[in-house]
Amino acid sequence: MEHISKYLTKEIKLSSYDDKLFKSDLMFDDHMLIWFISGETKIIQADATYYFKAGDIFLIPRNQLATIVNYPKNGQPHKTVVMHLGTERLKRYYDKMEVGKSIVQAQKIFSFNNHPLLESCLNSLIPYFNLNGEFPESIASLKITEAITILREIDKTVDSVLANFDDPGKIDLISFMERNFMFNMPLHKLSYLTGRSLSTFNRDFKKNFNTTPQKWLTEKRLELAHYYLLARKRKPAEVYLEVGFEDLSHFSFAFKKKYGLAPTQLPAGD
């Protein structure tokens, strides 16, 4: 796989994947505003799946777990303009503004498909990627401020995300894990999202599940894969990424160890 990123600044980049497929389980530290130039993306969250194609624009909030699968399309690479909307910059933006005090961070992905204002803002960045030398921070700041202002103009609810600077609070561990076990994330990030230190997370996990996180996650992912394969008649190559495995051969080995059959040996669909 060839992945090329050209950075104007640490907050603005042009990203390109030339391979057939790139999959990653992510939790962004910043809000991410993304405009698709070519290719397609599938984003899987606990409660929803999204599909994006050339011309689409979306905002994915920080601290949200997601599986992201990028595909080239029609002989063109998967290419996007990506803008990071970081906490410190947003604090400066909102510093003198009056926004609602009862802000609750939204769980959804915001979609702005083919919106002319946002597309014009992000498209205007393209010529700068061919410039030599350092890109002026003053211009980058203007472009990010422009994007934030447009977002607030076209969606009045976006402040519920952009103006929320709180870390995740302590939440119910069982409910969180049952909803998010398919995301292959480091334990320190899972603990952060549940409002716990890593040591408290491990202690609470043992108390609630009577096993280690690693063992429980493997069992849950294999159970979900078994359901997809047997009940929904899906193919192993279609499900192993979605349930949290990174490698098909490792998935097949673990599946056979648990169920006594390789995934390909289950009854085929009609």
Protein backbone atom coordinates (compact mmCIF):
# COMPACT_ATOMS: atom_id res chain seq x y z
CA MET A 1 0.00 0.00 0.00
CA GLU A 2 1.26 3.49 -0.87
CA HIS A 3 0.00 6.30 1.34
CA ILE A 4 1.08 9.83 0.54
CA SER A 5 0.30 12.83 2.72
CA LYS A 6 1.25 16.39 1.82
CA TYR A 7 1.04 18.79 4.75
CA LEU A 8 0.47 22.51 4.48
CA THR A 9 0.60 22.65 8.27
CA LYS A 10 0.07 20.01 10.95
CA GLU A 11 -3.64 20.88 10.73
CA ILE A 12 -4.18 20.73 6.95
CA LYS A 13 -3.15 17.89 4.65
CA LEU A 14 -3.83 16.23 1.29
CA SER A 15 -4.09 12.47 1.83
CA SER A 16 -3.90 9.83 -0.91
CA TYR A 17 -4.14 6.00 -0.80
CA ASP A 18 -3.31 4.13 -4.01
CA ASP A 19 -3.85 0.55 -2.82
CA LYS A 20 -7.07 -1.49 -3.19
CA LEU A 21 -8.15 -1.00 0.42
CA PHE A 22 -6.99 0.62 3.64
CA LYS A 23 -8.72 -0.11 6.94
CA SER A 24 -8.09 1.40 10.33
CA ASP A 25 -9.84 1.61 13.70
CA LEU A 26 -9.47 5.16 14.90
CA MET A 27 -10.28 7.59 17.67
CA PHE A 28 -9.38 11.09 16.56
CA ASP A 29 -7.92 13.52 19.08
CA ASP A 30 -9.20 16.42 16.94
CA HIS A 31 -12.43 16.99 15.06
CA MET A 32 -11.78 16.08 11.43
CA LEU A 33 -13.31 17.95 8.48
CA ILE A 34 -12.82 15.88 5.32
CA TRP A 35 -13.58 16.61 1.65
CA PHE A 36 -13.47 13.77 -0.86
CA ILE A 37 -11.73 14.45 -4.16
CA SER A 38 -11.84 10.83 -5.37
CA GLY A 39 -12.38 7.33 -4.00
CA GLU A 40 -14.87 6.03 -1.45
CA THR A 41 -14.94 5.54 2.32
CA LYS A 42 -17.03 3.36 4.62
CA ILE A 43 -17.20 4.46 8.26
CA ILE A 44 -18.59 1.99 10.80
CA GLN A 45 -19.60 3.16 14.26
CA ALA A 46 -21.42 1.27 16.99
CA ASP A 47 -24.86 2.52 15.94
CA ALA A 48 -24.48 3.57 12.30
CA THR A 49 -22.58 3.00 9.06
CA TYR A 50 -21.79 5.81 6.64
CA TYR A 51 -20.69 5.81 2.99
CA PHE A 52 -18.89 8.74 1.38
CA LYS A 53 -17.79 9.33 -2.22
CA ALA A 54 -16.21 12.02 -4.40
CA GLY A 55 -17.66 15.45 -3.63
CA ASP A 56 -18.87 14.53 -0.15
CA ILE A 57 -17.82 16.47 2.94
CA PHE A 58 -18.15 15.28 6.52
CA LEU A 59 -17.13 16.23 10.05
CA ILE A 60 -16.25 13.41 12.44
CA PRO A 61 -16.09 14.50 16.09
CA ARG A 62 -13.11 13.81 18.31
CA ASN A 63 -13.18 10.94 20.82
CA GLN A 64 -15.49 8.83 18.63
CA LEU A 65 -14.60 5.21 17.87
CA ALA A 66 -14.88 4.27 14.22
CA THR A 67 -13.69 1.69 11.71
CA ILE A 68 -12.69 3.48 8.52
CA VAL A 69 -12.23 1.63 5.23
CA ASN A 70 -10.85 3.63 2.28
CA TYR A 71 -11.15 2.43 -1.34
CA PRO A 72 -9.80 3.78 -4.62
CA LYS A 73 -12.54 4.09 -7.26
CA ASN A 74 -12.68 4.12 -11.07
CA GLY A 75 -8.91 3.90 -11.40
CA GLN A 76 -8.34 6.92 -9.17
CA PRO A 77 -6.73 6.92 -5.73
CA HIS A 78 -8.59 7.59 -2.52
CA LYS A 79 -7.78 11.29 -2.15
CA THR A 80 -9.04 13.75 0.46
CA VAL A 81 -8.36 17.16 1.90
CA VAL A 82 -8.27 16.85 5.69
CA MET A 83 -8.54 19.70 8.17
CA HIS A 84 -7.90 19.13 11.88
CA LEU A 85 -10.02 21.29 14.16
CA GLY A 86 -8.02 21.07 17.36
CA THR A 87 -9.16 21.96 20.86
CA GLU A 88 -6.74 24.86 21.41
CA ARG A 89 -7.66 26.57 18.15
CA LEU A 90 -11.38 26.09 18.84
CA LYS A 91 -10.97 27.53 22.33
CA ARG A 92 -9.46 30.66 20.80
CA TYR A 93 -12.26 30.85 18.25
CA TYR A 94 -15.02 30.54 20.86
CA ASP A 95 -13.26 32.59 23.53
CA LYS A 96 -15.45 35.71 23.19
CA MET A 97 -18.63 34.01 22.01
CA GLU A 98 -21.77 33.23 23.93
CA VAL A 99 -22.77 29.61 23.42
CA GLY A 100 -25.17 27.38 25.31
CA LYS A 101 -23.93 26.14 28.66
CA SER A 102 -25.67 22.76 28.51
CA ILE A 103 -23.50 21.44 25.68
CA VAL A 104 -23.54 17.70 25.15
CA GLN A 105 -21.11 16.21 22.66
CA ALA A 106 -22.95 14.70 19.71
CA GLN A 107 -22.24 11.12 18.70
CA LYS A 108 -23.14 11.53 15.04
CA ILE A 109 -21.02 12.26 12.00
CA PHE A 110 -22.07 15.51 10.33
CA SER A 111 -22.54 15.21 6.56
CA PHE A 112 -22.39 18.19 4.20
CA ASN A 113 -22.52 16.51 0.80
CA ASN A 114 -21.50 18.80 -2.07
CA HIS A 115 -22.12 21.93 -0.03
CA PRO A 116 -20.88 24.86 -2.18
CA LEU A 117 -19.55 27.02 0.67
CA LEU A 118 -17.51 24.25 2.29
CA GLU A 119 -16.39 22.85 -1.06
CA SER A 120 -15.19 26.26 -2.17
CA CYS A 121 -13.29 26.73 1.11
CA LEU A 122 -11.55 23.35 0.95
CA ASN A 123 -10.99 23.41 -2.82
CA SER A 124 -9.18 26.72 -2.46
CA LEU A 125 -6.45 24.85 -0.54
CA ILE A 126 -5.50 22.60 -3.47
CA PRO A 127 -3.09 25.02 -5.28
CA TYR A 128 -1.16 25.59 -2.05
CA PHE A 129 -0.04 21.94 -1.89
CA ASN A 130 2.23 22.56 -4.90
CA LEU A 131 4.00 25.53 -3.37
CA ASN A 132 7.64 25.30 -2.32
CA GLY A 133 8.65 26.42 1.12
CA GLU A 134 6.75 26.78 4.37
CA PHE A 135 3.06 27.61 4.21
CA PRO A 136 2.25 30.78 6.21
CA GLU A 137 0.50 30.05 9.50
CA SER A 138 -1.50 33.27 9.11
CA ILE A 139 -3.14 31.97 5.92
CA ALA A 140 -3.74 28.52 7.43
CA SER A 141 -5.42 30.18 10.41
CA LEU A 142 -7.66 32.20 8.11
CA LYS A 143 -8.72 29.09 6.16
CA ILE A 144 -9.49 27.11 9.33
CA THR A 145 -11.46 30.03 10.78
CA GLU A 146 -13.37 30.26 7.49
CA ALA A 147 -14.24 26.55 7.65
CA ILE A 148 -15.44 26.77 11.26
CA THR A 149 -17.57 29.82 10.45
CA ILE A 150 -19.16 28.05 7.48
CA LEU A 151 -19.90 24.96 9.58
CA ARG A 152 -21.67 27.09 12.19
CA GLU A 153 -23.63 28.92 9.49
CA ILE A 154 -24.96 25.81 7.74
CA ASP A 155 -25.60 23.68 10.85
CA LYS A 156 -26.69 25.51 14.00
CA THR A 157 -26.16 22.38 16.14
CA VAL A 158 -22.45 22.03 15.40
CA ASP A 159 -21.52 24.09 18.47
CA SER A 160 -22.60 21.09 20.55
CA VAL A 161 -19.44 19.42 19.23
CA LEU A 162 -16.98 22.18 18.43
CA ALA A 163 -17.50 24.15 21.66
CA ASN A 164 -17.33 21.13 23.96
CA PHE A 165 -13.84 20.91 25.44
CA ASP A 166 -14.51 18.39 28.22
CA ASP A 167 -12.76 15.05 28.53
CA PRO A 168 -15.08 12.02 28.65
CA GLY A 169 -16.70 11.48 32.04
CA LYS A 170 -16.93 8.15 33.84
CA ILE A 171 -19.58 5.98 32.18
CA ASP A 172 -20.98 2.47 32.58
CA LEU A 173 -18.23 0.07 31.54
CA ILE A 174 -20.44 -2.88 30.57
CA SER A 175 -22.66 -0.83 28.27
CA PHE A 176 -19.67 0.85 26.62
CA MET A 177 -17.80 -2.40 25.96
CA GLU A 178 -20.88 -4.20 24.63
CA ARG A 179 -21.36 -1.41 22.09
CA ASN A 180 -17.72 -0.95 21.07
CA PHE A 181 -15.90 -4.29 21.31
CA MET A 182 -15.42 -4.53 17.54
CA PHE A 183 -13.08 -1.53 17.45
CA ASN A 184 -9.44 -2.60 17.66
CA MET A 185 -8.16 0.14 19.92
CA PRO A 186 -5.37 0.25 22.52
CA LEU A 187 -6.67 -0.28 26.05
CA HIS A 188 -5.46 3.13 27.19
CA LYS A 189 -7.78 4.77 24.66
CA LEU A 190 -10.72 2.61 25.71
CA SER A 191 -10.04 3.49 29.34
CA TYR A 192 -9.89 7.21 28.46
CA LEU A 193 -13.26 7.05 26.69
CA THR A 194 -14.85 5.47 29.76
CA GLY A 195 -13.46 8.18 32.04
CA ARG A 196 -10.92 5.92 33.78
CA SER A 197 -7.20 5.54 34.18
CA LEU A 198 -5.79 2.36 32.62
CA SER A 199 -5.31 0.72 36.02
CA THR A 200 -8.89 1.55 37.09
CA PHE A 201 -10.19 0.32 33.75
CA ASN A 202 -8.44 -3.05 34.16
CA ARG A 203 -9.64 -3.38 37.75
CA ASP A 204 -13.25 -2.51 36.88
CA PHE A 205 -13.15 -4.79 33.85
CA LYS A 206 -12.05 -7.77 35.93
CA LYS A 207 -14.79 -7.01 38.47
CA ASN A 208 -17.54 -6.76 35.81
CA PHE A 209 -16.48 -9.46 33.34
CA ASN A 210 -14.35 -11.82 35.45
CA THR A 211 -11.67 -12.01 32.77
CA THR A 212 -9.08 -9.81 31.07
CA PRO A 213 -10.02 -7.26 28.38
CA GLN A 214 -7.94 -9.07 25.74
CA LYS A 215 -9.65 -12.44 26.28
CA TRP A 216 -13.12 -10.93 26.43
CA LEU A 217 -12.61 -8.86 23.28
CA THR A 218 -11.41 -11.90 21.29
CA GLU A 219 -14.41 -13.97 22.43
CA LYS A 220 -16.91 -11.23 21.57
CA ARG A 221 -15.40 -10.64 18.14
CA LEU A 222 -15.44 -14.34 17.31
CA GLU A 223 -19.06 -14.64 18.43
CA LEU A 224 -20.07 -11.75 16.20
CA ALA A 225 -18.13 -13.23 13.28
CA HIS A 226 -19.84 -16.60 13.81
CA TYR A 227 -23.23 -14.88 13.66
CA TYR A 228 -22.36 -13.03 10.44
CA LEU A 229 -21.04 -16.19 8.80
CA LEU A 230 -23.76 -18.61 9.87
CA ALA A 231 -26.91 -16.51 10.18
CA ARG A 232 -26.23 -13.89 7.54
CA LYS A 233 -24.25 -16.16 5.19
CA ARG A 234 -21.45 -13.67 4.74
CA LYS A 235 -17.92 -14.56 3.67
CA PRO A 236 -14.87 -14.53 6.00
CA ALA A 237 -13.12 -11.90 3.90
CA GLU A 238 -16.15 -9.63 4.34
CA VAL A 239 -16.41 -9.85 8.12
CA TYR A 240 -12.99 -10.19 9.75
CA LEU A 241 -12.22 -6.46 9.50
CA GLU A 242 -15.67 -5.43 10.71
CA VAL A 243 -15.49 -7.51 13.89
CA GLY A 244 -12.07 -6.19 14.93
CA PHE A 245 -9.44 -8.53 13.45
CA GLU A 246 -6.59 -7.03 11.43
CA ASP A 247 -5.46 -10.18 9.60
CA LEU A 248 -7.55 -12.84 7.84
CA SER A 249 -5.18 -15.70 8.69
CA HIS A 250 -5.13 -14.77 12.38
CA PHE A 251 -8.92 -14.54 12.36
CA SER A 252 -9.21 -17.98 10.73
CA PHE A 253 -6.82 -19.53 13.26
CA ALA A 254 -8.67 -18.05 16.26
CA PHE A 255 -12.05 -19.00 14.81
CA LYS A 256 -11.05 -22.63 14.27
CA LYS A 257 -9.56 -22.80 17.75
CA LYS A 258 -12.88 -21.69 19.28
CA TYR A 259 -15.40 -23.45 17.03
CA GLY A 260 -13.46 -26.44 15.70
CA LEU A 261 -14.06 -25.41 12.09
CA ALA A 262 -12.39 -22.89 9.84
CA PRO A 263 -14.67 -20.00 8.80
CA THR A 264 -14.77 -21.40 5.26
CA GLN A 265 -16.08 -24.73 6.57
CA LEU A 266 -19.36 -23.35 7.89
CA PRO A 267 -22.49 -24.17 5.83
CA ALA A 268 -22.63 -22.01 2.73
CA GLY A 269 -25.50 -19.67 2.01
CA ASP A 270 -28.18 -20.25 -0.60
